Amino acid sequence: EGNEPGDSAKITYNELLHKVCQFANVLRSQGVKKGDRISIYLPMILELVVAMLACARIGALHSIVFAGFSADSLCERILDCGCSLLIT
């Protein structure tokens, strides 16, 4: 369920697995490997869950940054964790 009333979507476990594997392959094609640090800067949408699970699937560490943070706050978090990729 989304933040707005009536904003919802349904997805099966099989559909979720397909999306997670697909995005994990995208991350691998970008050179992400086990132990890399990734920052995720997304609102509460299905793609946030897919990105988080894809990172976990390939063994990359992920840090979720609340989408309401300013550009300066996001920059500080990226530099502090030394992430190699930002997912927006």
C-alpha atoms as a PDB file:
ATOM      1  CA  GLU A   1       0.000   0.000   0.000  1.00  0.00           C
ATOM      2  CA  GLY A   2       1.192   3.475  -0.854  1.00  0.00           C
ATOM      3  CA  ASN A   3       0.993   6.668   1.157  1.00  0.00           C
ATOM      4  CA  GLU A   4      -2.166   7.887  -0.556  1.00  0.00           C
ATOM      5  CA  PRO A   5      -5.543   6.266   0.142  1.00  0.00           C
ATOM      6  CA  GLY A   6      -6.418   3.860  -2.642  1.00  0.00           C
ATOM      7  CA  ASP A   7      -2.788   3.724  -3.848  1.00  0.00           C
ATOM      8  CA  SER A   8      -1.943   0.037  -3.820  1.00  0.00           C
ATOM      9  CA  ALA A   9      -0.536  -2.723  -5.992  1.00  0.00           C
ATOM     10  CA  LYS A  10      -0.428  -6.493  -5.816  1.00  0.00           C
ATOM     11  CA  ILE A  11       2.538  -8.627  -6.786  1.00  0.00           C
ATOM     12  CA  THR A  12       3.140 -12.342  -6.458  1.00  0.00           C
ATOM     13  CA  TYR A  13       6.290 -13.833  -4.963  1.00  0.00           C
ATOM     14  CA  ASN A  14       7.225 -15.128  -8.416  1.00  0.00           C
ATOM     15  CA  GLU A  15       6.857 -11.661  -9.965  1.00  0.00           C
ATOM     16  CA  LEU A  16       8.917 -10.166  -7.152  1.00  0.00           C
ATOM     17  CA  LEU A  17      11.639 -12.794  -7.611  1.00  0.00           C
ATOM     18  CA  HIS A  18      11.764 -12.057 -11.338  1.00  0.00           C
ATOM     19  CA  LYS A  19      12.116  -8.301 -10.738  1.00  0.00           C
ATOM     20  CA  VAL A  20      14.774  -8.813  -8.044  1.00  0.00           C
ATOM     21  CA  CYS A  21      16.852 -11.150 -10.236  1.00  0.00           C
ATOM     22  CA  GLN A  22      16.514  -8.779 -13.178  1.00  0.00           C
ATOM     23  CA  PHE A  23      17.702  -5.799 -11.123  1.00  0.00           C
ATOM     24  CA  ALA A  24      20.505  -7.849  -9.543  1.00  0.00           C
ATOM     25  CA  ASN A  25      21.749  -8.523 -13.078  1.00  0.00           C
ATOM     26  CA  VAL A  26      21.626  -4.782 -13.809  1.00  0.00           C
ATOM     27  CA  LEU A  27      23.721  -4.120 -10.704  1.00  0.00           C
ATOM     28  CA  ARG A  28      26.222  -6.803 -11.721  1.00  0.00           C
ATOM     29  CA  SER A  29      26.469  -5.280 -15.209  1.00  0.00           C
ATOM     30  CA  GLN A  30      27.385  -1.972 -13.523  1.00  0.00           C
ATOM     31  CA  GLY A  31      30.266  -3.714 -11.750  1.00  0.00           C
ATOM     32  CA  VAL A  32      28.638  -4.109  -8.330  1.00  0.00           C
ATOM     33  CA  LYS A  33      29.975  -7.108  -6.421  1.00  0.00           C
ATOM     34  CA  LYS A  34      29.769  -8.664  -2.979  1.00  0.00           C
ATOM     35  CA  GLY A  35      30.809  -6.232  -0.251  1.00  0.00           C
ATOM     36  CA  ASP A  36      30.230  -3.066  -2.306  1.00  0.00           C
ATOM     37  CA  ARG A  37      28.230  -0.302  -0.648  1.00  0.00           C
ATOM     38  CA  ILE A  38      25.119   1.035  -2.366  1.00  0.00           C
ATOM     39  CA  SER A  39      22.907   3.969  -1.361  1.00  0.00           C
ATOM     40  CA  ILE A  40      19.212   3.842  -2.243  1.00  0.00           C
ATOM     41  CA  TYR A  41      17.370   7.173  -2.492  1.00  0.00           C
ATOM     42  CA  LEU A  42      13.757   6.311  -3.333  1.00  0.00           C
ATOM     43  CA  PRO A  43      10.291   6.986  -1.934  1.00  0.00           C
ATOM     44  CA  MET A  44       8.196   4.135  -0.531  1.00  0.00           C
ATOM     45  CA  ILE A  45       7.527   2.368  -3.834  1.00  0.00           C
ATOM     46  CA  LEU A  46       7.872  -1.213  -5.042  1.00  0.00           C
ATOM     47  CA  GLU A  47      11.185  -0.415  -6.731  1.00  0.00           C
ATOM     48  CA  LEU A  48      12.680   0.382  -3.319  1.00  0.00           C
ATOM     49  CA  VAL A  49      11.966  -3.160  -2.148  1.00  0.00           C
ATOM     50  CA  VAL A  50      13.273  -4.613  -5.424  1.00  0.00           C
ATOM     51  CA  ALA A  51      16.515  -2.607  -5.168  1.00  0.00           C
ATOM     52  CA  MET A  52      17.019  -3.563  -1.519  1.00  0.00           C
ATOM     53  CA  LEU A  53      16.469  -7.274  -2.174  1.00  0.00           C
ATOM     54  CA  ALA A  54      18.664  -7.188  -5.299  1.00  0.00           C
ATOM     55  CA  CYS A  55      21.523  -5.744  -3.236  1.00  0.00           C
ATOM     56  CA  ALA A  56      21.044  -8.456  -0.636  1.00  0.00           C
ATOM     57  CA  ARG A  57      20.903 -11.111  -3.360  1.00  0.00           C
ATOM     58  CA  ILE A  58      24.375 -10.235  -4.694  1.00  0.00           C
ATOM     59  CA  GLY A  59      25.844  -9.503  -1.257  1.00  0.00           C
ATOM     60  CA  ALA A  60      26.162  -5.739  -1.615  1.00  0.00           C
ATOM     61  CA  LEU A  61      25.576  -3.630   1.481  1.00  0.00           C
ATOM     62  CA  HIS A  62      22.769  -1.121   1.095  1.00  0.00           C
ATOM     63  CA  SER A  63      21.862   2.052   2.894  1.00  0.00           C
ATOM     64  CA  ILE A  64      18.379   3.461   2.415  1.00  0.00           C
ATOM     65  CA  VAL A  65      18.228   7.251   2.554  1.00  0.00           C
ATOM     66  CA  PHE A  66      14.805   8.781   3.170  1.00  0.00           C
ATOM     67  CA  ALA A  67      13.679  10.491  -0.043  1.00  0.00           C
ATOM     68  CA  GLY A  68      12.772  13.680   1.837  1.00  0.00           C
ATOM     69  CA  PHE A  69      16.401  14.510   2.670  1.00  0.00           C
ATOM     70  CA  SER A  70      18.065  17.447   0.946  1.00  0.00           C
ATOM     71  CA  ALA A  71      20.854  17.100  -1.612  1.00  0.00           C
ATOM     72  CA  ASP A  72      23.422  18.137   1.019  1.00  0.00           C
ATOM     73  CA  SER A  73      22.190  15.515   3.496  1.00  0.00           C
ATOM     74  CA  LEU A  74      22.266  12.859   0.784  1.00  0.00           C
ATOM     75  CA  CYS A  75      25.803  13.895  -0.187  1.00  0.00           C
ATOM     76  CA  GLU A  76      27.009  13.594   3.412  1.00  0.00           C
ATOM     77  CA  ARG A  77      25.574  10.090   3.734  1.00  0.00           C
ATOM     78  CA  ILE A  78      27.105   8.978   0.440  1.00  0.00           C
ATOM     79  CA  LEU A  79      30.535  10.253   1.459  1.00  0.00           C
ATOM     80  CA  ASP A  80      30.273   8.827   4.998  1.00  0.00           C
ATOM     81  CA  CYS A  81      29.511   5.291   3.838  1.00  0.00           C
ATOM     82  CA  GLY A  82      31.808   5.413   0.807  1.00  0.00           C
ATOM     83  CA  CYS A  83      29.170   4.030  -1.525  1.00  0.00           C
ATOM     84  CA  SER A  84      30.052   3.128  -5.085  1.00  0.00           C
ATOM     85  CA  LEU A  85      26.556   3.500  -6.553  1.00  0.00           C
ATOM     86  CA  LEU A  86      23.442   5.561  -5.884  1.00  0.00           C
ATOM     87  CA  ILE A  87      20.048   4.160  -6.885  1.00  0.00           C
ATOM     88  CA  THR A  88      17.404   6.846  -7.436  1.00  0.00           C
END
